[in-house]
């Protein structure tokens, strides 16, 4: 069963326990108090309501016109540049090479600096100050410096230029000029994710002392296993978040991929917004809870803990859904996800990550086109008119409504990009580009990349083997091979090798490149 199947709470059936941080961590759990670094606009931290297990789910859906509750009464604008953003899971970052990504419209590069004690990850602007060549196409040289491969300029862990090959050895030290430096951003590894803060000014150098990324304790709990994945998507940040907060679409948009439903599939889903502020909101559902920590973190569990669930030494089954939603550019977003659990831990010892990713990417594929088109219709109507053009009358829409209210009230339906963005959405590509898996996922995933390389090598080996067997049959005819049975056996082996290579080629195409999903035939 794919973990995404648990995103849809059921209307009936036994409840399972919930002991997750979703019901225990405050909305500003990543924030530390330090008056020295206090922002100019003071905001009262959101207080956590009573445990979700003690809060009854809402049986009467809120009107789509109802604003999200804001106990703090603070109507300040959300500061997109005063937040931590996930770059990538560390398991998908090769310390031998730089890695480039776009986050919040900002092109950045992460690389592993071996110069410090034990080494650490760094995040820079992805542009060499010489001629703006992308440093993500460079290399980490034998001295542990980030080297631009256009002209060989080298930079240390703080962004200072250490060497310009074209500068005379006895001439002025031009590499020490401030113009030769690369902008460096605060970064930290937490929960096995590399996070960075999109401000390079000196006053933000110690931002980690006053504010940390949201922390999820279960990910670091040794009783849990957590398998990360990442994918770029051809629709925007707000569409991504809204879709993840909508469990009602699962049995329809992902039909045949997640759970076996009856003919109708869906049903009423009770949910209530327990607490909301500029920092996010907490949602109680009929069997669990979910928490949105603005702007990127959405996590929780579809299960609620029951008293007396632990008997003897038996572990309480605990399962979580963790999503990080990254704004990339206009009409582009990135999803980083994991499903921490303390049951079935042994599976991760024998099952590689790429095996899980195949089915998870299939789930994402099944609604990519729907969301891509939806985003363009929202843009045509204007996001300010979202509540007028969308009819959301049921309780199952409450999380979507809460997010849209947050996005409207605190963000004016706009993302605070780090660099200016083109106002219009990019044109719609063909389906094979829209649902491409290689560049959107495989190229960023070390597990899938390694699996693809191995499978391609096996495909070629099977083809060579089939040809070699036929060649051997032709050469050895009448000498080593005398009976009809021997010839038939050898021919069968050649046919099986060729058939296996063809099957493997189709599997590679569908799993790592493109596989269409047609809802009408599901």
Protein backbone atom coordinates (compact mmCIF):
# COMPACT_ATOMS: atom_id res chain seq x y z
CA UNK A 1 0.00 0.00 0.00
CA UNK A 2 1.31 3.41 -0.89
CA UNK A 3 1.61 5.80 2.09
CA UNK A 4 -0.32 8.49 0.22
CA UNK A 5 -3.39 6.34 0.65
CA UNK A 6 -3.53 7.37 4.28
CA UNK A 7 -4.12 10.99 3.34
CA UNK A 8 -7.84 10.29 3.05
CA UNK A 9 -9.50 9.94 6.46
CA UNK A 10 -12.32 7.43 6.49
CA UNK A 11 -15.77 8.29 7.75
CA UNK A 12 -15.98 5.13 9.83
CA UNK A 13 -13.82 2.37 11.24
CA UNK A 14 -11.43 1.99 14.15
CA UNK A 15 -9.09 4.81 15.04
CA UNK A 16 -5.37 4.29 15.39
CA UNK A 17 -3.13 6.23 17.76
CA UNK A 18 -1.65 9.64 17.14
CA UNK A 19 1.34 10.77 19.13
CA UNK A 20 2.83 13.09 16.57
CA UNK A 21 4.26 16.56 16.75
CA UNK A 22 1.21 17.72 14.83
CA UNK A 23 -0.70 17.74 18.07
CA UNK A 24 2.14 18.88 20.27
CA UNK A 25 4.26 21.50 18.50
CA UNK A 26 3.25 25.16 18.47
CA UNK A 27 2.69 26.88 15.17
CA UNK A 28 5.92 28.80 15.60
CA UNK A 29 7.89 25.74 16.69
CA UNK A 30 10.85 26.80 14.58
CA UNK A 31 11.18 30.18 16.27
CA UNK A 32 13.45 31.05 19.17
CA UNK A 33 13.07 34.18 21.24
CA UNK A 34 15.94 36.64 21.16
CA UNK A 35 15.21 40.33 21.56
CA UNK A 36 18.48 41.28 19.93
CA UNK A 37 17.33 39.77 16.65
CA UNK A 38 13.64 40.65 16.98
CA UNK A 39 12.08 41.69 13.64
CA UNK A 40 10.84 45.23 13.22
CA UNK A 41 7.23 44.09 13.05
CA UNK A 42 6.44 42.38 16.33
CA UNK A 43 4.12 39.45 16.05
CA UNK A 44 2.52 37.54 18.87
CA UNK A 45 3.31 33.87 18.59
CA UNK A 46 0.35 31.62 17.95
CA UNK A 47 -0.59 29.49 20.93
CA UNK A 48 -1.40 25.84 20.52
CA UNK A 49 -5.00 24.88 21.31
CA UNK A 50 -5.90 21.85 23.42
CA UNK A 51 -4.73 18.49 22.03
CA UNK A 52 -6.52 17.56 18.84
CA UNK A 53 -7.75 14.32 20.35
CA UNK A 54 -9.82 16.38 22.78
CA UNK A 55 -11.36 18.60 20.10
CA UNK A 56 -14.49 17.50 18.31
CA UNK A 57 -14.39 17.64 14.52
CA UNK A 58 -16.57 20.24 12.90
CA UNK A 59 -19.85 18.81 11.64
CA UNK A 60 -21.06 22.03 10.09
CA UNK A 61 -18.88 23.31 7.24
CA UNK A 62 -17.79 26.92 7.37
CA UNK A 63 -18.94 29.22 4.65
CA UNK A 64 -16.39 29.91 1.95
CA UNK A 65 -16.88 33.60 2.74
CA UNK A 66 -15.89 33.16 6.38
CA UNK A 67 -12.40 34.48 7.16
CA UNK A 68 -9.92 32.29 9.01
CA UNK A 69 -9.91 32.96 12.73
CA UNK A 70 -6.96 35.07 13.83
CA UNK A 71 -6.75 35.08 17.63
CA UNK A 72 -3.66 37.26 17.51
CA UNK A 73 -5.58 39.98 15.74
CA UNK A 74 -2.44 40.80 13.77
CA UNK A 75 -3.06 41.85 10.16
CA UNK A 76 0.57 42.49 9.17
CA UNK A 77 1.75 41.16 5.83
CA UNK A 78 3.58 37.84 5.79
CA UNK A 79 7.32 38.34 5.24
CA UNK A 80 8.39 35.71 2.68
CA UNK A 81 12.06 36.65 3.01
CA UNK A 82 12.09 36.12 6.77
CA UNK A 83 11.57 32.36 6.47
CA UNK A 84 13.66 29.21 6.11
CA UNK A 85 13.27 27.22 2.88
CA UNK A 86 14.14 23.56 2.25
CA UNK A 87 16.76 23.10 -0.45
CA UNK A 88 16.79 19.31 -0.75
CA UNK A 89 17.11 16.13 1.31
CA UNK A 90 20.77 15.60 2.21
CA UNK A 91 20.59 12.01 0.95
CA UNK A 92 20.10 13.42 -2.57
CA UNK A 93 23.07 15.79 -2.40
CA UNK A 94 26.43 14.47 -3.57
CA UNK A 95 29.18 16.16 -1.50
CA UNK A 96 31.59 15.79 -4.44
CA UNK A 97 29.66 18.21 -6.68
CA UNK A 98 27.68 21.47 -6.47
CA UNK A 99 23.89 21.38 -6.83
CA UNK A 100 21.80 24.17 -8.29
CA UNK A 101 18.11 24.89 -7.61
CA UNK A 102 15.66 27.77 -7.85
CA UNK A 103 13.84 28.69 -4.65
CA UNK A 104 11.53 31.70 -4.30
CA UNK A 105 12.75 32.81 -7.73
CA UNK A 106 16.33 32.85 -6.45
CA UNK A 107 18.98 30.72 -8.22
CA UNK A 108 21.15 29.16 -5.52
CA UNK A 109 23.84 26.50 -5.37
CA UNK A 110 24.60 24.12 -2.50
CA UNK A 111 28.03 22.56 -2.08
CA UNK A 112 29.90 20.69 0.63
CA UNK A 113 32.71 22.69 2.19
CA UNK A 114 35.39 20.35 3.51
CA UNK A 115 37.40 23.24 4.90
CA UNK A 116 35.60 23.41 8.25
CA UNK A 117 35.82 20.97 11.13
CA UNK A 118 34.16 17.86 9.76
CA UNK A 119 32.82 19.77 6.76
CA UNK A 120 29.43 21.39 6.24
CA UNK A 121 27.02 22.39 3.49
CA UNK A 122 27.01 25.92 2.08
CA UNK A 123 24.46 27.77 -0.02
CA UNK A 124 25.59 30.55 -2.39
CA UNK A 125 24.17 32.63 -5.19
CA UNK A 126 24.41 30.51 -8.31
CA UNK A 127 26.41 33.10 -10.23
CA UNK A 128 30.15 33.69 -10.44
CA UNK A 129 30.86 37.42 -9.85
CA UNK A 130 33.22 37.42 -12.84
CA UNK A 131 30.78 36.86 -15.73
CA UNK A 132 27.74 35.39 -13.92
CA UNK A 133 28.37 31.82 -15.08
CA UNK A 134 26.40 29.27 -12.97
CA UNK A 135 28.51 27.90 -10.14
CA UNK A 136 26.23 24.85 -10.06
CA UNK A 137 27.97 23.73 -13.26
CA UNK A 138 31.33 23.98 -11.53
CA UNK A 139 33.24 21.59 -9.30
CA UNK A 140 34.70 21.24 -5.82
CA UNK A 141 38.46 21.33 -6.44
CA UNK A 142 41.15 19.27 -4.76
CA UNK A 143 41.62 22.00 -2.12
CA UNK A 144 37.94 21.86 -1.13
CA UNK A 145 37.00 25.15 -2.79
CA UNK A 146 34.04 25.82 -5.06
CA UNK A 147 35.48 26.44 -8.52
CA UNK A 148 33.73 28.12 -11.43
CA UNK A 149 34.57 26.09 -14.53
CA UNK A 150 34.22 29.06 -16.88
CA UNK A 151 37.48 30.77 -15.85
CA UNK A 152 38.59 28.83 -12.77
CA UNK A 153 37.82 31.36 -10.03
CA UNK A 154 37.77 29.65 -6.60
CA UNK A 155 35.71 30.48 -3.49
CA UNK A 156 35.89 29.38 0.13
CA UNK A 157 33.07 28.48 2.52
CA UNK A 158 32.09 32.09 3.27
CA UNK A 159 32.03 33.15 -0.39
CA UNK A 160 35.40 34.91 -0.44
CA UNK A 161 37.37 34.57 -3.67
CA UNK A 162 40.62 32.75 -2.94
CA UNK A 163 42.15 32.46 -6.39
CA UNK A 164 41.88 34.10 -9.83
CA UNK A 165 44.10 32.21 -12.32
CA UNK A 166 44.25 35.16 -14.71
CA UNK A 167 45.63 37.55 -12.05
CA UNK A 168 49.47 37.94 -12.05
CA UNK A 169 51.08 36.33 -9.03
CA UNK A 170 53.08 39.48 -8.23
CA UNK A 171 50.29 41.91 -9.11
CA UNK A 172 47.66 43.52 -6.87
CA UNK A 173 45.49 41.02 -4.92
CA UNK A 174 42.36 41.61 -6.99
CA UNK A 175 40.77 38.46 -5.59
CA UNK A 176 40.42 40.24 -2.23
CA UNK A 177 38.14 42.91 -3.67
CA UNK A 178 34.60 42.69 -2.29
CA UNK A 179 33.29 42.53 -5.86
CA UNK A 180 34.99 39.15 -6.25
CA UNK A 181 32.92 37.60 -3.44
CA UNK A 182 29.84 35.40 -3.87
CA UNK A 183 26.73 36.05 -1.79
CA UNK A 184 26.44 33.38 0.93
CA UNK A 185 23.17 32.47 2.65
CA UNK A 186 22.65 31.10 6.17
CA UNK A 187 21.96 27.37 6.01
CA UNK A 188 21.50 24.42 8.35
CA UNK A 189 20.87 20.69 8.13
CA UNK A 190 17.82 19.72 10.19
CA UNK A 191 15.66 16.60 9.95
CA UNK A 192 18.10 15.44 7.22
CA UNK A 193 17.00 18.39 5.06
CA UNK A 194 19.30 21.21 3.97
CA UNK A 195 17.52 24.50 4.74
CA UNK A 196 18.62 27.99 3.76
CA UNK A 197 17.55 31.52 4.64
CA UNK A 198 17.19 33.81 1.57
CA UNK A 199 19.00 36.87 2.98
CA UNK A 200 22.72 37.34 2.47
CA UNK A 201 23.15 40.66 4.32
CA UNK A 202 25.60 40.58 7.27
CA UNK A 203 22.85 41.21 9.83
CA UNK A 204 21.31 37.83 8.93
CA UNK A 205 24.49 35.86 9.46
CA UNK A 206 23.34 34.65 12.90
CA UNK A 207 19.63 34.34 12.06
CA UNK A 208 19.70 30.74 13.32
CA UNK A 209 20.00 32.08 16.87
CA UNK A 210 16.58 33.69 16.75
CA UNK A 211 14.70 31.52 14.28
CA UNK A 212 15.02 27.91 13.18
CA UNK A 213 13.24 25.86 10.51
CA UNK A 214 10.18 23.90 11.67
CA UNK A 215 11.31 20.78 13.50
CA UNK A 216 9.52 17.41 13.35
CA UNK A 217 10.71 15.16 16.17
CA UNK A 218 9.56 11.87 14.64
CA UNK A 219 11.97 12.22 11.73
CA UNK A 220 14.94 12.10 14.12
CA UNK A 221 13.39 9.46 16.37
CA UNK A 222 15.47 6.23 16.04
CA UNK A 223 12.27 4.18 16.28
CA UNK A 224 11.06 5.72 13.01
CA UNK A 225 12.16 5.20 9.43
CA UNK A 226 11.90 8.09 7.00
CA UNK A 227 12.41 7.87 3.26
CA UNK A 228 12.68 11.23 1.47
CA UNK A 229 11.73 12.15 -2.06
CA UNK A 230 11.67 15.31 -4.18
CA UNK A 231 9.98 16.44 -7.39
CA UNK A 232 9.56 19.64 -9.38
CA UNK A 233 6.04 20.36 -10.62
CA UNK A 234 4.54 22.41 -13.45
CA UNK A 235 2.12 24.35 -11.27
CA UNK A 236 2.55 27.01 -8.63
CA UNK A 237 3.07 26.95 -4.88
CA UNK A 238 -0.49 27.84 -3.89
CA UNK A 239 -1.97 25.14 -6.14
CA UNK A 240 0.41 22.57 -4.62
CA UNK A 241 -0.46 23.46 -1.01
CA UNK A 242 -4.18 23.59 -1.76
CA UNK A 243 -4.08 20.15 -3.39
CA UNK A 244 -2.25 18.53 -0.46
CA UNK A 245 -4.85 19.95 1.91
CA UNK A 246 -7.71 18.38 -0.04
CA UNK A 247 -8.16 14.72 1.00
CA UNK A 248 -11.52 14.49 -0.80
CA UNK A 249 -9.88 14.30 -4.25
CA UNK A 250 -7.87 11.15 -3.46
CA UNK A 251 -10.36 8.39 -4.47
CA UNK A 252 -11.15 10.18 -7.74
CA UNK A 253 -8.00 11.87 -9.03
CA UNK A 254 -5.85 8.91 -7.91
CA UNK A 255 -8.33 6.14 -8.64
CA UNK A 256 -6.74 2.72 -8.84
CA UNK A 257 -3.45 3.95 -7.35
CA UNK A 258 -4.00 4.23 -3.62
CA UNK A 259 -6.89 2.40 -1.99
CA UNK A 260 -9.63 0.11 -3.16
CA UNK A 261 -12.85 2.07 -2.81
CA UNK A 262 -16.44 1.15 -3.42
CA UNK A 263 -18.19 2.35 -6.58
CA UNK A 264 -18.69 5.88 -5.28
CA UNK A 265 -15.35 6.14 -3.51
CA UNK A 266 -15.64 9.26 -1.43
CA UNK A 267 -17.69 10.36 1.54
CA UNK A 268 -18.07 13.16 4.09
CA UNK A 269 -14.88 14.20 5.85
CA UNK A 270 -15.24 16.10 9.09
CA UNK A 271 -12.56 18.68 9.77
CA UNK A 272 -12.28 21.82 11.84
CA UNK A 273 -9.76 24.66 11.84
CA UNK A 274 -8.75 24.70 15.49
CA UNK A 275 -6.26 27.57 15.43
CA UNK A 276 -5.14 29.99 12.73
CA UNK A 277 -2.82 32.98 12.51
CA UNK A 278 -0.22 34.50 10.20
CA UNK A 279 2.11 31.62 11.15
CA UNK A 280 -0.28 28.95 9.85
CA UNK A 281 -3.10 26.84 11.23
CA UNK A 282 -3.98 23.55 12.90
CA UNK A 283 -6.74 21.27 11.62
CA UNK A 284 -8.63 18.57 13.51
CA UNK A 285 -10.12 15.82 11.38
CA UNK A 286 -12.43 12.98 12.34
CA UNK A 287 -9.48 10.67 12.94
CA UNK A 288 -6.36 12.83 13.03
CA UNK A 289 -4.81 16.25 12.72
CA UNK A 290 -2.71 18.27 10.28
CA UNK A 291 -0.66 21.40 10.76
CA UNK A 292 0.44 24.08 8.31
CA UNK A 293 3.49 26.10 9.32
CA UNK A 294 3.81 28.92 6.81
CA UNK A 295 5.06 29.00 4.22
CA UNK A 296 6.41 25.52 3.41
CA UNK A 297 5.62 22.91 6.03
CA UNK A 298 2.47 20.77 6.07
CA UNK A 299 2.45 17.64 8.20
CA UNK A 300 0.37 15.47 10.48
CA UNK A 301 -1.26 12.10 10.81
CA UNK A 302 -4.59 10.67 9.69
CA UNK A 303 -4.73 8.66 12.92
CA UNK A 304 -5.67 9.73 16.43
CA UNK A 305 -4.23 8.19 19.57
CA UNK A 306 -6.58 6.20 21.74
CA UNK A 307 -6.14 5.74 25.49
CA UNK A 308 -4.77 2.32 26.32
CA UNK A 309 -3.33 1.78 22.85
CA UNK A 310 -0.03 0.57 24.28
CA UNK A 311 -0.12 -2.91 25.79
CA UNK A 312 2.99 -4.41 27.30
CA UNK A 313 6.03 -3.84 25.09
CA UNK A 314 4.03 -3.54 21.90
CA UNK A 315 4.74 -0.30 20.03
CA UNK A 316 1.97 2.15 19.34
CA UNK A 317 1.61 2.27 15.53
CA UNK A 318 2.50 5.79 14.41
CA UNK A 319 2.49 7.10 10.88
CA UNK A 320 2.91 10.63 9.58
CA UNK A 321 2.67 12.54 6.32
CA UNK A 322 5.30 15.28 5.92
CA UNK A 323 5.30 17.70 2.99
CA UNK A 324 7.52 20.69 2.25
CA UNK A 325 6.06 22.94 -0.46
CA UNK A 326 8.66 25.17 -2.11
CA UNK A 327 7.79 28.16 -4.33
CA UNK A 328 10.17 27.94 -7.29
CA UNK A 329 8.95 30.47 -9.88
CA UNK A 330 5.71 31.57 -11.51
CA UNK A 331 3.80 28.40 -12.35
CA UNK A 332 6.51 26.15 -10.83
CA UNK A 333 6.82 24.53 -7.42
CA UNK A 334 8.80 21.79 -5.72
CA UNK A 335 7.53 19.10 -3.36
CA UNK A 336 9.75 17.37 -0.81
CA UNK A 337 7.98 14.61 1.08
CA UNK A 338 8.41 11.75 3.52
CA UNK A 339 6.23 9.35 5.50
CA UNK A 340 7.87 8.71 8.90
CA UNK A 341 6.59 5.54 10.57
CA UNK A 342 7.54 3.16 13.36
CA UNK A 343 5.79 0.12 11.84
CA UNK A 344 7.11 -2.06 9.04
CA UNK A 345 10.60 -0.69 9.73
CA UNK A 346 12.19 -3.87 8.38
CA UNK A 347 10.83 -3.08 4.90
CA UNK A 348 13.27 -0.20 4.50
CA UNK A 349 16.16 -2.59 5.09
CA UNK A 350 15.32 -4.61 1.99
CA UNK A 351 13.40 -2.10 -0.15
CA UNK A 352 15.37 0.65 -1.94
CA UNK A 353 13.99 4.19 -2.07
CA UNK A 354 13.48 4.10 -5.83
CA UNK A 355 10.92 1.30 -5.44
CA UNK A 356 8.68 3.57 -3.33
CA UNK A 357 9.28 6.53 -5.63
CA UNK A 358 7.82 4.75 -8.66
CA UNK A 359 4.34 4.48 -7.11
CA UNK A 360 4.55 7.88 -5.41
CA UNK A 361 5.45 9.59 -8.69
CA UNK A 362 2.54 7.80 -10.33
CA UNK A 363 0.22 9.39 -7.77
CA UNK A 364 1.65 12.84 -8.53
CA UNK A 365 1.32 12.20 -12.26
CA UNK A 366 -2.39 11.45 -11.97
CA UNK A 367 -3.39 15.01 -11.10
CA UNK A 368 -0.59 17.12 -12.62
CA UNK A 369 -2.61 18.03 -15.71
CA UNK A 370 -5.74 18.80 -13.66
CA UNK A 371 -3.84 21.20 -11.41
CA UNK A 372 -1.91 22.78 -14.28
CA UNK A 373 -5.18 23.67 -16.04
CA UNK A 374 -6.84 24.70 -12.77
CA UNK A 375 -4.07 27.21 -12.07
CA UNK A 376 -4.63 28.92 -15.41
CA UNK A 377 -8.36 29.16 -14.80
CA UNK A 378 -7.72 30.72 -11.39
CA UNK A 379 -5.34 33.21 -13.02
CA UNK A 380 -7.93 34.11 -15.64
CA UNK A 381 -10.58 34.72 -12.97
CA UNK A 382 -8.10 36.41 -10.60
CA UNK A 383 -7.16 34.89 -7.24
CA UNK A 384 -8.94 37.77 -5.52
CA UNK A 385 -12.13 36.21 -6.87
CA UNK A 386 -11.32 32.68 -5.72
CA UNK A 387 -14.16 32.61 -3.18
CA UNK A 388 -16.59 33.80 -5.86
CA UNK A 389 -15.69 31.39 -8.66
CA UNK A 390 -15.23 28.31 -6.41
CA UNK A 391 -18.15 26.65 -4.62
CA UNK A 392 -16.83 24.91 -1.51
CA UNK A 393 -19.86 23.99 0.63
CA UNK A 394 -18.64 20.93 2.58
CA UNK A 395 -16.51 20.37 5.65
CA UNK A 396 -13.96 18.49 3.53
CA UNK A 397 -12.98 21.85 1.96
CA UNK A 398 -12.18 23.54 5.27
CA UNK A 399 -8.40 23.19 5.03
CA UNK A 400 -8.42 24.53 1.47
CA UNK A 401 -10.57 27.46 2.60
CA UNK A 402 -8.24 28.12 5.54
CA UNK A 403 -5.19 28.19 3.26
CA UNK A 404 -6.88 30.47 0.72
CA UNK A 405 -7.91 32.80 3.53
CA UNK A 406 -4.34 32.83 4.86
CA UNK A 407 -2.93 33.47 1.38
CA UNK A 408 -5.43 36.29 0.80
CA UNK A 409 -5.31 37.93 4.23
CA UNK A 410 -1.58 37.86 4.93
CA UNK A 411 -0.08 37.59 1.44
CA UNK A 412 -2.61 39.45 -0.75
CA UNK A 413 -2.70 36.32 -2.95
CA UNK A 414 0.91 36.91 -3.94
CA UNK A 415 4.23 35.28 -3.18
CA UNK A 416 6.98 37.62 -2.03
CA UNK A 417 9.57 36.54 -4.59
CA UNK A 418 13.22 37.21 -3.85
CA UNK A 419 13.67 38.40 -7.45
CA UNK A 420 11.07 39.87 -9.84
CA UNK A 421 8.94 37.33 -11.68
CA UNK A 422 7.18 37.48 -15.03
CA UNK A 423 3.52 38.12 -14.34
CA UNK A 424 2.16 35.62 -16.87
CA UNK A 425 2.21 31.87 -16.36
CA UNK A 426 4.46 29.89 -18.72
CA UNK A 427 2.71 28.20 -21.67
CA UNK A 428 1.33 24.69 -21.23
CA UNK A 429 3.84 22.10 -22.50
CA UNK A 430 2.93 18.76 -24.06
CA UNK A 431 1.88 16.01 -21.66
CA UNK A 432 5.19 14.17 -21.90
CA UNK A 433 6.96 17.37 -20.76
CA UNK A 434 4.31 18.23 -18.18
CA UNK A 435 4.54 14.78 -16.59
CA UNK A 436 8.25 14.21 -17.22
CA UNK A 437 9.85 12.25 -14.42
CA UNK A 438 13.51 12.35 -15.37
CA UNK A 439 14.32 16.05 -14.98
CA UNK A 440 11.64 16.69 -12.37
CA UNK A 441 12.67 13.81 -10.10
CA UNK A 442 15.16 11.17 -11.27
CA UNK A 443 17.99 13.61 -11.98
CA UNK A 444 17.57 14.99 -8.43
CA UNK A 445 17.27 11.60 -6.67
CA UNK A 446 20.42 9.60 -6.01
CA UNK A 447 18.47 6.35 -5.54
CA UNK A 448 16.47 6.61 -8.78
CA UNK A 449 19.52 7.79 -10.74
CA UNK A 450 21.54 4.79 -9.59
CA UNK A 451 18.66 2.40 -10.33
CA UNK A 452 18.19 3.86 -13.82
CA UNK A 453 21.89 3.49 -14.60
CA UNK A 454 21.92 -0.11 -13.42
CA UNK A 455 18.76 -1.02 -15.33
CA UNK A 456 20.04 0.52 -18.55
CA UNK A 457 23.24 -1.49 -18.20
CA UNK A 458 21.19 -4.65 -17.61
CA UNK A 459 19.03 -3.88 -20.67
CA UNK A 460 22.11 -3.62 -22.87
CA UNK A 461 23.60 -6.78 -21.32
CA UNK A 462 20.43 -8.76 -22.11
CA UNK A 463 20.42 -7.54 -25.70
CA UNK A 464 24.10 -8.44 -26.12
CA UNK A 465 23.45 -11.82 -24.54
CA UNK A 466 20.60 -12.59 -26.94
CA UNK A 467 22.77 -11.72 -29.95
CA UNK A 468 25.73 -13.66 -28.54
CA UNK A 469 23.64 -16.78 -27.98
CA UNK A 470 22.35 -16.71 -31.57
CA UNK A 471 25.92 -16.16 -32.80
CA UNK A 472 27.13 -19.11 -30.75
CA UNK A 473 24.36 -21.24 -32.22
CA UNK A 474 25.41 -20.33 -35.75
CA UNK A 475 29.11 -21.00 -35.12
CA UNK A 476 28.64 -24.22 -33.19
CA UNK A 477 26.03 -25.74 -35.51
CA UNK A 478 26.98 -29.23 -36.48
CA UNK A 479 29.95 -29.39 -34.08
CA UNK A 480 29.16 -28.72 -30.42
CA UNK A 481 25.41 -28.69 -30.88
CA UNK A 482 24.09 -31.82 -32.48
CA UNK A 483 20.57 -32.37 -31.17
CA UNK A 484 17.35 -30.52 -31.89
CA UNK A 485 16.67 -30.19 -28.16
CA UNK A 486 19.96 -28.36 -27.62
CA UNK A 487 19.25 -25.95 -30.45
CA UNK A 488 15.73 -25.29 -29.18
CA UNK A 489 17.04 -24.61 -25.69
CA UNK A 490 19.64 -22.13 -26.93
CA UNK A 491 17.11 -20.35 -29.15
CA UNK A 492 14.71 -20.14 -26.17
CA UNK A 493 17.43 -18.55 -24.04
CA UNK A 494 18.08 -15.96 -26.77
CA UNK A 495 14.38 -15.17 -27.10
CA UNK A 496 13.98 -14.85 -23.32
CA UNK A 497 16.97 -12.50 -23.08
CA UNK A 498 15.59 -10.31 -25.86
CA UNK A 499 12.06 -10.33 -24.42
CA UNK A 500 13.43 -9.44 -20.97
CA UNK A 501 15.39 -6.55 -22.46
CA UNK A 502 12.26 -5.23 -24.20
CA UNK A 503 10.19 -5.55 -21.00
CA UNK A 504 12.92 -3.80 -19.04
CA UNK A 505 13.03 -0.99 -21.62
CA UNK A 506 9.29 -0.40 -21.24
CA UNK A 507 9.61 -0.52 -17.45
CA UNK A 508 12.42 2.05 -17.56
CA UNK A 509 10.38 4.38 -19.77
CA UNK A 510 7.29 4.23 -17.55
CA UNK A 511 9.14 4.38 -14.24
CA UNK A 512 11.83 6.96 -14.92
CA UNK A 513 10.68 9.04 -17.90
CA UNK A 514 6.97 9.24 -18.74
CA UNK A 515 3.76 7.33 -18.21
CA UNK A 516 0.42 8.86 -19.10
CA UNK A 517 -2.57 8.60 -16.79
CA UNK A 518 -6.00 8.63 -18.44
CA UNK A 519 -8.77 9.04 -15.87
CA UNK A 520 -11.55 7.89 -18.20
CA UNK A 521 -10.28 4.30 -18.24
CA UNK A 522 -9.72 3.95 -14.50
